[in-house]
């Protein structure tokens, strides 16, 4: 008995006020950390599966406030 082949599910990683995804393929995110400040920068660890260009998808997960506190709101500073 064989099981049908399935693609690996896309994992969305969240840290600070942003989410990161490898949904467009070509690489795999293995970890994220930080909130996006000088003291606690965003760090994204990836495994590349190809030598061709890949796209990292970044989305705001919290309200957008240009001068708000990093980690509590998406302020555009990463």
Protein backbone atom coordinates (compact mmCIF):
# COMPACT_ATOMS: atom_id res chain seq x y z
CA UNK A 1 0.00 0.00 0.00
CA UNK A 2 1.43 3.36 -0.97
CA UNK A 3 0.40 6.78 0.23
CA UNK A 4 -0.19 9.65 -2.20
CA UNK A 5 2.66 12.13 -2.49
CA UNK A 6 2.02 15.48 -0.86
CA UNK A 7 3.92 18.74 -1.03
CA UNK A 8 5.37 20.11 2.17
CA UNK A 9 2.90 22.56 3.70
CA UNK A 10 3.94 26.20 3.61
CA UNK A 11 4.87 27.38 7.06
CA UNK A 12 4.35 30.98 8.05
CA UNK A 13 6.83 32.19 10.65
CA UNK A 14 5.85 35.14 12.84
CA UNK A 15 8.09 37.38 14.93
CA UNK A 16 7.66 40.97 16.05
CA UNK A 17 4.93 42.62 13.95
CA UNK A 18 5.65 40.66 10.76
CA UNK A 19 5.20 37.22 9.23
CA UNK A 20 7.61 35.56 6.81
CA UNK A 21 6.79 32.84 4.30
CA UNK A 22 8.55 30.72 1.68
CA UNK A 23 5.25 30.23 -0.19
CA UNK A 24 6.75 31.06 -3.60
CA UNK A 25 9.27 28.21 -3.30
CA UNK A 26 12.95 27.75 -4.03
CA UNK A 27 13.96 27.86 -0.36
CA UNK A 28 12.78 26.89 3.10
CA UNK A 29 12.68 29.06 6.22
CA UNK A 30 14.14 27.19 9.20
CA UNK A 31 13.75 29.89 11.85
CA UNK A 32 13.03 33.54 12.63
CA UNK A 33 13.69 35.71 15.68
CA UNK A 34 13.82 39.32 16.85
CA UNK A 35 11.40 42.25 16.75
CA UNK A 36 13.25 44.53 14.33
CA UNK A 37 15.22 46.91 16.54
CA UNK A 38 18.95 47.61 16.75
CA UNK A 39 19.03 45.74 20.06
CA UNK A 40 16.90 42.82 18.79
CA UNK A 41 17.17 42.65 14.98
CA UNK A 42 15.06 40.39 12.78
CA UNK A 43 17.02 37.25 11.90
CA UNK A 44 15.68 34.87 9.25
CA UNK A 45 17.40 31.50 8.74
CA UNK A 46 16.85 29.83 5.37
CA UNK A 47 17.90 26.76 3.37
CA UNK A 48 18.22 27.46 -0.34
CA UNK A 49 17.12 24.68 -2.71
CA UNK A 50 18.19 26.39 -5.93
CA UNK A 51 20.76 28.81 -7.30
CA UNK A 52 18.05 30.83 -9.04
CA UNK A 53 16.44 33.93 -7.46
CA UNK A 54 13.81 33.32 -4.78
CA UNK A 55 11.24 35.59 -3.12
CA UNK A 56 10.70 35.96 0.63
CA UNK A 57 7.12 37.02 1.39
CA UNK A 58 6.80 39.53 4.28
CA UNK A 59 3.45 40.65 5.70
CA UNK A 60 2.48 42.95 8.57
CA UNK A 61 0.59 41.02 11.27
CA UNK A 62 -0.16 43.96 13.54
CA UNK A 63 -1.57 47.46 12.91
CA UNK A 64 0.64 49.84 10.91
CA UNK A 65 1.87 52.93 12.79
CA UNK A 66 4.90 54.67 11.22
CA UNK A 67 6.29 55.92 14.55
CA UNK A 68 4.95 53.16 16.81
CA UNK A 69 7.00 50.90 19.08
CA UNK A 70 8.71 48.05 17.21
CA UNK A 71 7.20 44.66 17.99
CA UNK A 72 3.87 46.10 19.11
CA UNK A 73 2.96 47.61 15.72
CA UNK A 74 4.34 47.41 12.18
CA UNK A 75 6.35 50.61 11.82
CA UNK A 76 8.23 49.78 8.61
CA UNK A 77 11.59 49.60 10.38
CA UNK A 78 13.08 46.14 10.13
